[in-house]
Amino acid sequence: MSSNTPDNSRRRLLKMAATGALLAPFAKFTSQSAYAGGHEKKLELDNPQAKALQYVHVATESTSPLYKDGSICGNCIQWKGGDAEWGQCVLFAGVVVANAGWCSAWAKG
């Protein structure tokens, strides 16, 4: 007789679902710590997408007519880095941007 009866499969599924539900709230901490710890590559200014969006690491250094005082990556709706100095932006996959940075896609968060 197989140990993989429907009853055992159901129990295994329920255990995995319960474990996932218990660990899900901690996923936020692991992703933020990676950004805060500098484990991801920082967005380079010569990146084609960064150039297209007029991205700068320090917002006040922007020469774009679209820049408005006080707008930084850290207070943009796209920012996912919390209070970290460098964090994830939904516009730039696989890299982190400066909290104090700015780009032309800035939108009040």
N, C-alpha and C. Protein backbone atom coordinates (compact mmCIF):
# COMPACT_ATOMS: atom_id res chain seq x y z
N MET A 1 0.84 -1.18 0.00
CA MET A 1 0.00 0.00 0.00
C MET A 1 0.89 1.24 0.00
N SER A 2 0.57 2.21 -0.77
CA SER A 2 1.36 3.42 -0.91
C SER A 2 1.13 4.35 0.29
N SER A 3 2.20 5.03 0.71
CA SER A 3 2.07 5.98 1.81
C SER A 3 1.55 7.32 1.30
N ASN A 4 1.37 7.41 -0.01
CA ASN A 4 0.91 8.65 -0.61
C ASN A 4 -0.58 8.57 -0.91
N THR A 5 -1.35 8.16 0.07
CA THR A 5 -2.79 8.07 -0.10
C THR A 5 -3.38 9.46 -0.12
N PRO A 6 -4.60 9.60 -0.63
CA PRO A 6 -5.22 10.93 -0.66
C PRO A 6 -5.26 11.60 0.71
N ASP A 7 -5.44 10.83 1.74
CA ASP A 7 -5.49 11.39 3.09
C ASP A 7 -4.15 12.02 3.48
N ASN A 8 -3.03 11.33 3.18
CA ASN A 8 -1.71 11.86 3.49
C ASN A 8 -1.38 13.07 2.62
N SER A 9 -1.77 13.05 1.37
CA SER A 9 -1.53 14.18 0.47
C SER A 9 -2.25 15.41 0.97
N ARG A 10 -3.45 15.25 1.42
CA ARG A 10 -4.25 16.37 1.93
C ARG A 10 -3.59 16.95 3.19
N ARG A 11 -3.12 16.09 4.07
CA ARG A 11 -2.46 16.55 5.28
C ARG A 11 -1.19 17.33 4.94
N ARG A 12 -0.41 16.79 4.00
CA ARG A 12 0.82 17.46 3.58
C ARG A 12 0.50 18.84 3.00
N LEU A 13 -0.51 18.93 2.16
CA LEU A 13 -0.92 20.20 1.57
C LEU A 13 -1.32 21.19 2.65
N LEU A 14 -2.11 20.74 3.62
CA LEU A 14 -2.54 21.62 4.70
C LEU A 14 -1.36 22.09 5.54
N LYS A 15 -0.40 21.21 5.80
CA LYS A 15 0.78 21.60 6.57
C LYS A 15 1.59 22.65 5.81
N MET A 16 1.77 22.44 4.50
CA MET A 16 2.53 23.40 3.69
C MET A 16 1.81 24.74 3.64
N ALA A 17 0.50 24.74 3.49
CA ALA A 17 -0.27 25.98 3.45
C ALA A 17 -0.17 26.72 4.77
N ALA A 18 -0.28 25.99 5.88
CA ALA A 18 -0.18 26.62 7.19
C ALA A 18 1.21 27.20 7.42
N THR A 19 2.25 26.49 7.02
CA THR A 19 3.61 26.99 7.16
C THR A 19 3.81 28.25 6.33
N GLY A 20 3.31 28.23 5.11
CA GLY A 20 3.41 29.42 4.24
C GLY A 20 2.69 30.61 4.83
N ALA A 21 1.51 30.38 5.39
CA ALA A 21 0.74 31.46 6.00
C ALA A 21 1.47 32.04 7.21
N LEU A 22 2.13 31.19 7.97
CA LEU A 22 2.87 31.67 9.14
C LEU A 22 4.12 32.45 8.76
N LEU A 23 4.77 32.07 7.66
CA LEU A 23 6.02 32.72 7.26
C LEU A 23 5.82 33.93 6.36
N ALA A 24 4.67 34.08 5.75
CA ALA A 24 4.42 35.18 4.81
C ALA A 24 4.70 36.56 5.38
N PRO A 25 4.29 36.87 6.62
CA PRO A 25 4.56 38.22 7.14
C PRO A 25 6.05 38.55 7.25
N PHE A 26 6.90 37.54 7.35
CA PHE A 26 8.33 37.78 7.49
C PHE A 26 9.02 38.02 6.14
N ALA A 27 8.35 37.77 5.05
CA ALA A 27 8.93 37.99 3.72
C ALA A 27 9.26 39.46 3.52
N LYS A 28 8.46 40.34 4.09
CA LYS A 28 8.69 41.77 3.98
C LYS A 28 10.04 42.15 4.58
N PHE A 29 10.37 41.58 5.73
CA PHE A 29 11.63 41.91 6.40
C PHE A 29 12.83 41.41 5.63
N THR A 30 12.73 40.25 5.03
CA THR A 30 13.88 39.72 4.30
C THR A 30 14.13 40.54 3.05
N SER A 31 13.10 40.99 2.36
CA SER A 31 13.31 41.76 1.14
C SER A 31 13.84 43.15 1.46
N GLN A 32 13.36 43.78 2.53
CA GLN A 32 13.85 45.11 2.89
C GLN A 32 15.29 45.06 3.37
N SER A 33 15.64 44.01 4.11
CA SER A 33 17.00 43.95 4.61
C SER A 33 18.00 43.81 3.46
N ALA A 34 17.61 43.18 2.38
CA ALA A 34 18.51 43.06 1.24
C ALA A 34 18.78 44.43 0.63
N TYR A 35 17.78 45.29 0.57
CA TYR A 35 17.97 46.61 0.00
C TYR A 35 18.79 47.48 0.95
N ALA A 36 18.47 47.41 2.23
CA ALA A 36 19.15 48.23 3.21
C ALA A 36 20.61 47.81 3.35
N GLY A 37 20.88 46.55 3.17
CA GLY A 37 22.24 46.04 3.35
C GLY A 37 23.14 46.26 2.16
N GLY A 38 22.63 46.79 1.08
CA GLY A 38 23.44 47.06 -0.09
C GLY A 38 23.83 45.82 -0.86
N HIS A 39 23.04 44.76 -0.76
CA HIS A 39 23.36 43.52 -1.46
C HIS A 39 22.98 43.58 -2.93
N GLU A 40 22.18 44.53 -3.30
CA GLU A 40 21.79 44.65 -4.70
C GLU A 40 22.61 45.74 -5.37
N LYS A 41 22.70 45.63 -6.66
CA LYS A 41 23.47 46.59 -7.44
C LYS A 41 22.74 47.93 -7.50
N LYS A 42 23.50 49.00 -7.35
CA LYS A 42 22.92 50.35 -7.43
C LYS A 42 22.71 50.73 -8.89
N LEU A 43 21.65 51.45 -9.15
CA LEU A 43 21.35 51.90 -10.50
C LEU A 43 22.45 52.84 -10.98
N GLU A 44 22.99 52.55 -12.15
CA GLU A 44 24.03 53.40 -12.71
C GLU A 44 23.40 54.49 -13.56
N LEU A 45 23.98 55.66 -13.52
CA LEU A 45 23.42 56.81 -14.23
C LEU A 45 23.46 56.65 -15.74
N ASP A 46 24.34 55.79 -16.25
CA ASP A 46 24.40 55.58 -17.70
C ASP A 46 23.44 54.48 -18.18
N ASN A 47 22.66 53.93 -17.28
CA ASN A 47 21.63 52.94 -17.63
C ASN A 47 20.64 53.61 -18.58
N PRO A 48 20.30 52.97 -19.71
CA PRO A 48 19.39 53.59 -20.68
C PRO A 48 18.04 54.02 -20.08
N GLN A 49 17.49 53.21 -19.22
CA GLN A 49 16.21 53.57 -18.61
C GLN A 49 16.39 54.75 -17.64
N ALA A 50 17.48 54.76 -16.91
CA ALA A 50 17.77 55.88 -16.00
C ALA A 50 17.91 57.17 -16.79
N LYS A 51 18.61 57.09 -17.92
CA LYS A 51 18.77 58.27 -18.78
C LYS A 51 17.41 58.74 -19.32
N ALA A 52 16.60 57.79 -19.78
CA ALA A 52 15.30 58.14 -20.35
C ALA A 52 14.39 58.82 -19.31
N LEU A 53 14.53 58.42 -18.05
CA LEU A 53 13.70 58.99 -16.99
C LEU A 53 14.42 60.11 -16.23
N GLN A 54 15.58 60.53 -16.72
CA GLN A 54 16.35 61.62 -16.15
C GLN A 54 16.70 61.38 -14.68
N TYR A 55 16.97 60.12 -14.32
CA TYR A 55 17.27 59.75 -12.94
C TYR A 55 18.58 60.37 -12.47
N VAL A 56 18.58 60.86 -11.22
CA VAL A 56 19.79 61.33 -10.55
C VAL A 56 19.81 60.74 -9.14
N HIS A 57 21.01 60.52 -8.60
CA HIS A 57 21.12 59.96 -7.25
C HIS A 57 20.76 60.99 -6.17
N VAL A 58 20.92 62.28 -6.48
CA VAL A 58 20.59 63.35 -5.54
C VAL A 58 19.60 64.28 -6.24
N ALA A 59 18.39 64.31 -5.75
CA ALA A 59 17.30 65.03 -6.41
C ALA A 59 17.64 66.49 -6.68
N THR A 60 18.28 67.16 -5.75
CA THR A 60 18.57 68.58 -5.91
C THR A 60 19.58 68.87 -7.02
N GLU A 61 20.24 67.82 -7.53
CA GLU A 61 21.18 67.99 -8.64
C GLU A 61 20.49 67.87 -9.99
N SER A 62 19.19 67.63 -10.00
CA SER A 62 18.47 67.48 -11.25
C SER A 62 18.39 68.82 -11.99
N THR A 63 18.57 68.75 -13.31
CA THR A 63 18.44 69.93 -14.15
C THR A 63 17.14 69.89 -14.95
N SER A 64 16.31 68.89 -14.68
CA SER A 64 15.06 68.72 -15.41
C SER A 64 14.05 69.80 -15.00
N PRO A 65 13.34 70.36 -15.98
CA PRO A 65 12.29 71.32 -15.64
C PRO A 65 11.10 70.66 -14.93
N LEU A 66 11.04 69.34 -14.96
CA LEU A 66 9.96 68.62 -14.29
C LEU A 66 10.19 68.47 -12.79
N TYR A 67 11.45 68.66 -12.35
CA TYR A 67 11.77 68.49 -10.94
C TYR A 67 11.13 69.60 -10.10
N LYS A 68 10.53 69.18 -8.98
CA LYS A 68 9.96 70.13 -8.02
C LYS A 68 10.63 69.91 -6.67
N ASP A 69 10.95 71.00 -5.99
CA ASP A 69 11.60 70.91 -4.68
C ASP A 69 10.83 69.97 -3.76
N GLY A 70 11.58 69.14 -3.05
CA GLY A 70 10.98 68.22 -2.09
C GLY A 70 10.60 66.87 -2.65
N SER A 71 10.63 66.71 -3.97
CA SER A 71 10.30 65.41 -4.55
C SER A 71 11.56 64.56 -4.62
N ILE A 72 11.52 63.42 -3.94
CA ILE A 72 12.64 62.48 -3.93
C ILE A 72 12.07 61.08 -4.10
N CYS A 73 12.94 60.15 -4.41
CA CYS A 73 12.51 58.75 -4.55
C CYS A 73 11.82 58.26 -3.28
N GLY A 74 12.33 58.66 -2.13
CA GLY A 74 11.81 58.19 -0.85
C GLY A 74 10.38 58.60 -0.57
N ASN A 75 9.84 59.62 -1.26
CA ASN A 75 8.44 59.99 -1.04
C ASN A 75 7.61 59.81 -2.32
N CYS A 76 8.10 58.96 -3.20
CA CYS A 76 7.41 58.64 -4.45
C CYS A 76 6.56 57.38 -4.29
N ILE A 77 5.48 57.30 -5.01
CA ILE A 77 4.60 56.13 -4.97
C ILE A 77 5.31 54.87 -5.47
N GLN A 78 6.33 55.02 -6.30
CA GLN A 78 7.06 53.88 -6.86
C GLN A 78 8.06 53.27 -5.87
N TRP A 79 8.42 54.00 -4.82
CA TRP A 79 9.47 53.62 -3.87
C TRP A 79 9.01 52.47 -2.99
N LYS A 80 9.86 51.46 -2.86
CA LYS A 80 9.56 50.29 -2.03
C LYS A 80 10.68 50.01 -1.03
N GLY A 81 11.45 51.02 -0.68
CA GLY A 81 12.61 50.82 0.17
C GLY A 81 12.47 51.23 1.61
N GLY A 82 11.27 51.65 2.02
CA GLY A 82 11.09 52.07 3.41
C GLY A 82 11.98 53.27 3.73
N ASP A 83 12.66 53.20 4.86
CA ASP A 83 13.54 54.30 5.29
C ASP A 83 14.99 54.09 4.89
N ALA A 84 15.26 53.06 4.12
CA ALA A 84 16.63 52.73 3.73
C ALA A 84 17.23 53.83 2.85
N GLU A 85 18.56 53.95 2.89
CA GLU A 85 19.26 54.91 2.05
C GLU A 85 19.15 54.54 0.57
N TRP A 86 19.18 53.24 0.29
CA TRP A 86 19.00 52.70 -1.06
C TRP A 86 17.88 51.68 -1.00
N GLY A 87 16.99 51.68 -1.99
CA GLY A 87 15.89 50.74 -1.98
C GLY A 87 15.35 50.49 -3.38
N GLN A 88 14.37 49.62 -3.44
CA GLN A 88 13.81 49.21 -4.71
C GLN A 88 12.77 50.21 -5.21
N CYS A 89 12.79 50.42 -6.49
CA CYS A 89 11.78 51.21 -7.19
C CYS A 89 11.13 50.27 -8.19
N VAL A 90 9.82 50.34 -8.31
CA VAL A 90 9.13 49.43 -9.22
C VAL A 90 9.51 49.66 -10.68
N LEU A 91 10.08 50.80 -10.99
CA LEU A 91 10.46 51.11 -12.37
C LEU A 91 11.80 50.50 -12.80
N PHE A 92 12.65 50.17 -11.81
CA PHE A 92 13.99 49.69 -12.12
C PHE A 92 14.20 48.31 -11.49
N ALA A 93 13.96 47.28 -12.25
CA ALA A 93 14.07 45.90 -11.75
C ALA A 93 15.52 45.48 -11.58
N GLY A 94 15.80 44.78 -10.49
CA GLY A 94 17.11 44.19 -10.28
C GLY A 94 18.18 45.13 -9.76
N VAL A 95 17.83 46.38 -9.51
CA VAL A 95 18.78 47.35 -8.97
C VAL A 95 18.07 48.17 -7.89
N VAL A 96 18.85 48.89 -7.12
CA VAL A 96 18.27 49.78 -6.12
C VAL A 96 18.60 51.22 -6.49
N VAL A 97 17.76 52.12 -6.02
CA VAL A 97 17.94 53.55 -6.29
C VAL A 97 18.11 54.28 -4.96
N ALA A 98 18.63 55.48 -5.02
CA ALA A 98 18.86 56.27 -3.82
C ALA A 98 17.56 56.85 -3.30
N ASN A 99 17.37 56.78 -1.99
CA ASN A 99 16.21 57.40 -1.35
C ASN A 99 16.18 58.89 -1.70
N ALA A 100 17.34 59.53 -1.75
CA ALA A 100 17.44 60.95 -2.04
C ALA A 100 17.43 61.25 -3.53
N GLY A 101 17.27 60.21 -4.37
CA GLY A 101 17.28 60.40 -5.82
C GLY A 101 15.97 60.94 -6.35
N TRP A 102 15.90 61.05 -7.67
CA TRP A 102 14.70 61.56 -8.33
C TRP A 102 14.71 61.13 -9.79
N CYS A 103 13.53 60.93 -10.38
CA CYS A 103 13.40 60.73 -11.82
C CYS A 103 12.11 61.37 -12.30
N SER A 104 11.97 61.49 -13.59
CA SER A 104 10.81 62.18 -14.16
C SER A 104 9.49 61.43 -13.99
N ALA A 105 9.55 60.19 -13.54
CA ALA A 105 8.33 59.44 -13.28
C ALA A 105 7.84 59.62 -11.84
N TRP A 106 8.46 60.53 -11.10
CA TRP A 106 8.09 60.76 -9.69
C TRP A 106 6.61 61.09 -9.58
N ALA A 107 5.95 60.45 -8.63
CA ALA A 107 4.54 60.72 -8.33
C ALA A 107 4.38 60.68 -6.82
N LYS A 108 3.65 61.62 -6.30
CA LYS A 108 3.46 61.74 -4.84
C LYS A 108 2.97 60.44 -4.25
N GLY A 109 3.66 59.98 -3.21
CA GLY A 109 3.31 58.71 -2.56
C GLY A 109 2.46 58.87 -1.34
